[in-house]
Structure formats: structure tokens, C-alpha cells
Amino acid sequence: MILSMTDQLVFFAQVLMVGAAAGLIYDFFRILRRTFRHVDALTQAEDVVYWLLATVFIFYFILHSNNGEIRLYAVVGVFGGMGLYFFTLSRLLMAVSGVVIDFLKRVILTVVGIILIPIKLLIKALSYPAKYLMGVMKKSSRHMSKTARLVSRRAKYLAGRTRRDLHIIRKMI
């Protein structure tokens, strides 16, 4: 199908916007990577998912807008739109998202800290009786071990004395 020069210009502008939209979607993945640490395998998997989704999206757009005819200016428009987006709006979006994410992290940490205050106080309040009980148990265990040592010595003494007495009895018999 032959398009007029105006239709081709409109289609090129639309393809530029599709490329910019693909760049915006990629920035979403970049923001996720910046917010949550990823292992390399997950980053690669995200890239594969991105390119599959971008390819399907671009193909669907070209199929419905240009009857599936892939022209060189359509490919140039997609990559040109991505390039324009990355050199203009992407830097602004990444900077703003970094500030917003840092702010949200601080807010969440503050809220969690406030929520944990009663739990910290409860733990601190329970730690005093626990420390006291540990001290009592330590003292009683020292006393018990001292008693056990004395009993053990006495048992050894009695065992030795019994052996001696048995030896004497055997000699007499």
C-alpha cells in the first residue's frame, strides 16, 4: 500500500513515540534494578522479557498502523524515538525516580521504626527480669556445680575406702 507523504510523516511521528514508549518501559526495569538489587541472571532475564515485550508491541503497532509493512524509516523511527527519549527525558525520569524512591524508603523506615517502638520497649522491659533470672540461675548453677564437685570427691573417697576395706576382708578370708 502506498502512503502519501503526509501519512508517512504521521506514521514516522507515531513510530518515534512508540520508540520513546519502549524506552520508558525499559526505564521501568532500570528503576526496579536500582531499587532492588538483582543478580546478573535476573537482570538478563528481565532484558529478555523486555525485548520480547517491546518486539511484540512494536510489531503489533506496525501491523495495525501500516498493514504490517516494515519500512526502513519505521525501524529508524523506533530506534530514533528510543534514542531521543534516552538523551532527554530518561535522565530526568531516573533522577526524579531516585529522589522519590529514596524519600519513600526513608518514610517507610520511619513508619516501621515508629511501629517497632512498643515492641522495643516491651523487649527492654522484659530484659530486666530475664537478666535477673539469668543471674540467679548462674549463681545457683555455680552452687550446684560446687556441690556436685564435693559429692564427687566424697564418692571417690568412699569408693576408695570401700575398695580398701574389701581388700582387707579378702586378705582375712
C-alpha atoms as a PDB file:
ATOM      1  CA  MET A   1       0.000   0.000   0.000  1.00  0.00           C
ATOM      2  CA  ILE A   2       1.368   3.370  -0.983  1.00  0.00           C
ATOM      3  CA  LEU A   3       1.094   6.068   1.642  1.00  0.00           C
ATOM      4  CA  SER A   4       1.070   9.756   0.925  1.00  0.00           C
ATOM      5  CA  MET A   5       3.928  11.858   2.186  1.00  0.00           C
ATOM      6  CA  THR A   6       1.699  13.237   4.977  1.00  0.00           C
ATOM      7  CA  ASP A   7       0.663   9.735   6.059  1.00  0.00           C
ATOM      8  CA  GLN A   8       4.303   8.642   6.088  1.00  0.00           C
ATOM      9  CA  LEU A   9       5.235  11.664   8.189  1.00  0.00           C
ATOM     10  CA  VAL A  10       2.401  10.937  10.650  1.00  0.00           C
ATOM     11  CA  PHE A  11       3.434   7.264  10.775  1.00  0.00           C
ATOM     12  CA  PHE A  12       7.069   8.274  11.387  1.00  0.00           C
ATOM     13  CA  ALA A  13       5.976  10.534  14.267  1.00  0.00           C
ATOM     14  CA  GLN A  14       3.913   7.679  15.699  1.00  0.00           C
ATOM     15  CA  VAL A  15       6.867   5.291  15.403  1.00  0.00           C
ATOM     16  CA  LEU A  16       9.048   7.852  17.200  1.00  0.00           C
ATOM     17  CA  MET A  17       6.507   7.854  20.055  1.00  0.00           C
ATOM     18  CA  VAL A  18       6.444   4.043  20.082  1.00  0.00           C
ATOM     19  CA  GLY A  19      10.247   4.074  20.407  1.00  0.00           C
ATOM     20  CA  ALA A  20      10.007   6.590  23.243  1.00  0.00           C
ATOM     21  CA  ALA A  21       7.370   4.392  24.929  1.00  0.00           C
ATOM     22  CA  ALA A  22       9.711   1.399  24.594  1.00  0.00           C
ATOM     23  CA  GLY A  23      12.430   3.493  26.247  1.00  0.00           C
ATOM     24  CA  LEU A  24      10.042   4.429  29.047  1.00  0.00           C
ATOM     25  CA  ILE A  25       9.245   0.763  29.653  1.00  0.00           C
ATOM     26  CA  TYR A  26      12.971  -0.010  29.759  1.00  0.00           C
ATOM     27  CA  ASP A  27      13.410   2.750  32.340  1.00  0.00           C
ATOM     28  CA  PHE A  28      10.831   0.973  34.474  1.00  0.00           C
ATOM     29  CA  PHE A  29      13.146  -2.060  34.533  1.00  0.00           C
ATOM     30  CA  ARG A  30      16.122   0.193  35.280  1.00  0.00           C
ATOM     31  CA  ILE A  31      14.262   1.742  38.222  1.00  0.00           C
ATOM     32  CA  LEU A  32      13.456  -1.742  39.538  1.00  0.00           C
ATOM     33  CA  ARG A  33      17.120  -2.697  39.267  1.00  0.00           C
ATOM     34  CA  ARG A  34      18.188   0.432  41.081  1.00  0.00           C
ATOM     35  CA  THR A  35      15.612  -0.069  43.839  1.00  0.00           C
ATOM     36  CA  PHE A  36      16.096  -3.801  44.395  1.00  0.00           C
ATOM     37  CA  ARG A  37      19.484  -5.423  43.967  1.00  0.00           C
ATOM     38  CA  HIS A  38      19.499  -8.107  41.280  1.00  0.00           C
ATOM     39  CA  VAL A  39      21.765 -10.995  40.460  1.00  0.00           C
ATOM     40  CA  ASP A  40      23.097 -10.991  36.914  1.00  0.00           C
ATOM     41  CA  ALA A  41      20.872 -13.873  35.817  1.00  0.00           C
ATOM     42  CA  LEU A  42      17.740 -11.973  36.845  1.00  0.00           C
ATOM     43  CA  THR A  43      18.938  -8.848  35.037  1.00  0.00           C
ATOM     44  CA  GLN A  44      19.480 -10.872  31.882  1.00  0.00           C
ATOM     45  CA  ALA A  45      16.055 -12.479  32.225  1.00  0.00           C
ATOM     46  CA  GLU A  46      14.484  -9.029  32.604  1.00  0.00           C
ATOM     47  CA  ASP A  47      16.261  -7.872  29.455  1.00  0.00           C
ATOM     48  CA  VAL A  48      14.943 -10.857  27.519  1.00  0.00           C
ATOM     49  CA  VAL A  49      11.411 -10.189  28.776  1.00  0.00           C
ATOM     50  CA  TYR A  50      11.750  -6.512  27.881  1.00  0.00           C
ATOM     51  CA  TRP A  51      12.923  -7.170  24.340  1.00  0.00           C
ATOM     52  CA  LEU A  52      10.226  -9.779  23.787  1.00  0.00           C
ATOM     53  CA  LEU A  53       7.535  -7.393  25.011  1.00  0.00           C
ATOM     54  CA  ALA A  54       8.988  -4.471  23.041  1.00  0.00           C
ATOM     55  CA  THR A  55       9.182  -6.560  19.870  1.00  0.00           C
ATOM     56  CA  VAL A  56       5.597  -7.735  20.206  1.00  0.00           C
ATOM     57  CA  PHE A  57       4.407  -4.194  20.989  1.00  0.00           C
ATOM     58  CA  ILE A  58       6.256  -2.645  18.033  1.00  0.00           C
ATOM     59  CA  PHE A  59       5.181  -5.399  15.642  1.00  0.00           C
ATOM     60  CA  TYR A  60       1.562  -5.061  16.767  1.00  0.00           C
ATOM     61  CA  PHE A  61       1.716  -1.311  16.238  1.00  0.00           C
ATOM     62  CA  ILE A  62       3.232  -1.625  12.759  1.00  0.00           C
ATOM     63  CA  LEU A  63       0.745  -4.369  11.860  1.00  0.00           C
ATOM     64  CA  HIS A  64      -2.237  -2.180  12.690  1.00  0.00           C
ATOM     65  CA  SER A  65      -0.853   1.183  11.587  1.00  0.00           C
ATOM     66  CA  ASN A  66       0.990   0.255   8.415  1.00  0.00           C
ATOM     67  CA  ASN A  67      -0.626  -3.079   7.495  1.00  0.00           C
ATOM     68  CA  GLY A  68       2.482  -4.947   8.639  1.00  0.00           C
ATOM     69  CA  GLU A  69       4.804  -3.272   6.144  1.00  0.00           C
ATOM     70  CA  ILE A  70       8.155  -2.766   7.807  1.00  0.00           C
ATOM     71  CA  ARG A  71       9.905   0.132   6.190  1.00  0.00           C
ATOM     72  CA  LEU A  72      13.398   1.389   6.901  1.00  0.00           C
ATOM     73  CA  TYR A  73      12.071   4.688   8.221  1.00  0.00           C
ATOM     74  CA  ALA A  74       9.878   2.729  10.693  1.00  0.00           C
ATOM     75  CA  VAL A  75      12.926   0.940  12.137  1.00  0.00           C
ATOM     76  CA  VAL A  76      14.889   4.206  12.167  1.00  0.00           C
ATOM     77  CA  GLY A  77      11.895   5.878  13.856  1.00  0.00           C
ATOM     78  CA  VAL A  78      11.695   3.253  16.614  1.00  0.00           C
ATOM     79  CA  PHE A  79      15.400   3.462  17.442  1.00  0.00           C
ATOM     80  CA  GLY A  80      15.390   7.223  16.942  1.00  0.00           C
ATOM     81  CA  GLY A  81      12.493   7.573  19.398  1.00  0.00           C
ATOM     82  CA  MET A  82      14.341   5.424  21.917  1.00  0.00           C
ATOM     83  CA  GLY A  83      17.496   7.488  21.417  1.00  0.00           C
ATOM     84  CA  LEU A  84      15.674  10.802  21.774  1.00  0.00           C
ATOM     85  CA  TYR A  85      13.943   9.541  24.911  1.00  0.00           C
ATOM     86  CA  PHE A  86      17.174   8.266  26.480  1.00  0.00           C
ATOM     87  CA  PHE A  87      19.045  11.504  25.811  1.00  0.00           C
ATOM     88  CA  THR A  88      16.253  13.788  27.055  1.00  0.00           C
ATOM     89  CA  LEU A  89      13.514  12.521  29.347  1.00  0.00           C
ATOM     90  CA  SER A  90      15.217   9.383  30.636  1.00  0.00           C
ATOM     91  CA  ARG A  91      17.849  11.284  32.603  1.00  0.00           C
ATOM     92  CA  LEU A  92      15.175  13.442  34.203  1.00  0.00           C
ATOM     93  CA  LEU A  93      12.977  10.437  34.986  1.00  0.00           C
ATOM     94  CA  MET A  94      15.849   8.482  36.523  1.00  0.00           C
ATOM     95  CA  ALA A  95      16.910  11.451  38.662  1.00  0.00           C
ATOM     96  CA  VAL A  96      13.371  12.128  39.863  1.00  0.00           C
ATOM     97  CA  SER A  97      12.670   8.442  40.495  1.00  0.00           C
ATOM     98  CA  GLY A  98      15.887   8.173  42.519  1.00  0.00           C
ATOM     99  CA  VAL A  99      14.824  11.081  44.732  1.00  0.00           C
ATOM    100  CA  VAL A 100      11.270   9.741  45.088  1.00  0.00           C
ATOM    101  CA  ILE A 101      12.453   6.216  45.901  1.00  0.00           C
ATOM    102  CA  ASP A 102      14.942   7.482  48.486  1.00  0.00           C
ATOM    103  CA  PHE A 103      12.183   9.602  50.053  1.00  0.00           C
ATOM    104  CA  LEU A 104       9.780   6.633  50.120  1.00  0.00           C
ATOM    105  CA  LYS A 105      12.470   4.414  51.681  1.00  0.00           C
ATOM    106  CA  ARG A 106      13.010   6.990  54.432  1.00  0.00           C
ATOM    107  CA  VAL A 107       9.263   7.318  55.038  1.00  0.00           C
ATOM    108  CA  ILE A 108       8.810   3.541  55.197  1.00  0.00           C
ATOM    109  CA  LEU A 109      11.789   3.122  57.539  1.00  0.00           C
ATOM    110  CA  THR A 110      10.453   5.900  59.769  1.00  0.00           C
ATOM    111  CA  VAL A 111       6.972   4.364  59.895  1.00  0.00           C
ATOM    112  CA  VAL A 112       8.409   0.915  60.631  1.00  0.00           C
ATOM    113  CA  GLY A 113      10.618   2.444  63.312  1.00  0.00           C
ATOM    114  CA  ILE A 114       7.603   4.112  64.925  1.00  0.00           C
ATOM    115  CA  ILE A 115       5.619   0.872  64.767  1.00  0.00           C
ATOM    116  CA  LEU A 116       8.518  -1.026  66.370  1.00  0.00           C
ATOM    117  CA  ILE A 117       8.868   1.375  69.332  1.00  0.00           C
ATOM    118  CA  PRO A 118       6.336  -0.502  71.522  1.00  0.00           C
ATOM    119  CA  ILE A 119       7.962  -3.813  70.642  1.00  0.00           C
ATOM    120  CA  LYS A 120      11.411  -2.453  71.533  1.00  0.00           C
ATOM    121  CA  LEU A 121      10.065  -1.106  74.827  1.00  0.00           C
ATOM    122  CA  LEU A 122       8.446  -4.462  75.614  1.00  0.00           C
ATOM    123  CA  ILE A 123      11.680  -6.296  74.875  1.00  0.00           C
ATOM    124  CA  LYS A 124      13.624  -3.859  77.024  1.00  0.00           C
ATOM    125  CA  ALA A 125      11.085  -4.194  79.866  1.00  0.00           C
ATOM    126  CA  LEU A 126      11.275  -7.976  79.687  1.00  0.00           C
ATOM    127  CA  SER A 127      15.057  -7.976  79.513  1.00  0.00           C
ATOM    128  CA  TYR A 128      15.438  -6.813  83.140  1.00  0.00           C
ATOM    129  CA  PRO A 129      13.608  -9.792  84.682  1.00  0.00           C
ATOM    130  CA  ALA A 130      15.355 -12.078  82.225  1.00  0.00           C
ATOM    131  CA  LYS A 131      18.764 -10.710  83.247  1.00  0.00           C
ATOM    132  CA  TYR A 132      17.848 -11.142  86.905  1.00  0.00           C
ATOM    133  CA  LEU A 133      16.750 -14.739  86.324  1.00  0.00           C
ATOM    134  CA  MET A 134      19.912 -15.455  84.363  1.00  0.00           C
ATOM    135  CA  GLY A 135      21.987 -14.134  87.268  1.00  0.00           C
ATOM    136  CA  VAL A 136      20.057 -16.280  89.754  1.00  0.00           C
ATOM    137  CA  MET A 137      20.432 -19.325  87.530  1.00  0.00           C
ATOM    138  CA  LYS A 138      24.139 -18.655  87.098  1.00  0.00           C
ATOM    139  CA  LYS A 139      24.618 -18.370  90.878  1.00  0.00           C
ATOM    140  CA  SER A 140      22.588 -21.499  91.535  1.00  0.00           C
ATOM    141  CA  SER A 141      24.429 -23.374  88.805  1.00  0.00           C
ATOM    142  CA  ARG A 142      27.757 -22.342  90.380  1.00  0.00           C
ATOM    143  CA  HIS A 143      26.445 -23.541  93.750  1.00  0.00           C
ATOM    144  CA  MET A 144      25.163 -26.741  92.166  1.00  0.00           C
ATOM    145  CA  SER A 145      28.450 -27.405  90.395  1.00  0.00           C
ATOM    146  CA  LYS A 146      30.334 -26.763  93.633  1.00  0.00           C
ATOM    147  CA  THR A 147      28.030 -29.205  95.413  1.00  0.00           C
ATOM    148  CA  ALA A 148      28.441 -31.723  92.599  1.00  0.00           C
ATOM    149  CA  ARG A 149      32.246 -31.489  92.906  1.00  0.00           C
ATOM    150  CA  LEU A 150      32.057 -32.061  96.660  1.00  0.00           C
ATOM    151  CA  VAL A 151      29.717 -35.035  96.208  1.00  0.00           C
ATOM    152  CA  SER A 152      32.014 -36.445  93.530  1.00  0.00           C
ATOM    153  CA  ARG A 153      35.060 -36.127  95.811  1.00  0.00           C
ATOM    154  CA  ARG A 154      33.159 -37.746  98.679  1.00  0.00           C
ATOM    155  CA  ALA A 155      32.011 -40.562  96.380  1.00  0.00           C
ATOM    156  CA  LYS A 156      35.590 -41.166  95.203  1.00  0.00           C
ATOM    157  CA  TYR A 157      36.783 -41.151  98.809  1.00  0.00           C
ATOM    158  CA  LEU A 158      34.087 -43.621  99.859  1.00  0.00           C
ATOM    159  CA  ALA A 159      34.743 -45.810  96.818  1.00  0.00           C
ATOM    160  CA  GLY A 160      38.460 -45.895  97.648  1.00  0.00           C
ATOM    161  CA  ARG A 161      37.717 -46.650 101.266  1.00  0.00           C
ATOM    162  CA  THR A 162      35.295 -49.430 100.269  1.00  0.00           C
ATOM    163  CA  ARG A 163      37.927 -50.958  97.959  1.00  0.00           C
ATOM    164  CA  ARG A 164      40.460 -50.862 100.765  1.00  0.00           C
ATOM    165  CA  ASP A 165      38.015 -52.465 103.179  1.00  0.00           C
ATOM    166  CA  LEU A 166      37.194 -55.185 100.609  1.00  0.00           C
ATOM    167  CA  HIS A 167      40.884 -55.818 100.098  1.00  0.00           C
ATOM    168  CA  ILE A 168      41.406 -56.184 103.823  1.00  0.00           C
ATOM    169  CA  ILE A 169      38.421 -58.550 104.080  1.00  0.00           C
ATOM    170  CA  ARG A 170      39.759 -60.698 101.213  1.00  0.00           C
ATOM    171  CA  LYS A 171      43.115 -60.997 102.938  1.00  0.00           C
ATOM    172  CA  MET A 172      41.437 -62.109 106.126  1.00  0.00           C
ATOM    173  CA  ILE A 173      39.477 -64.790 104.369  1.00  0.00           C
END
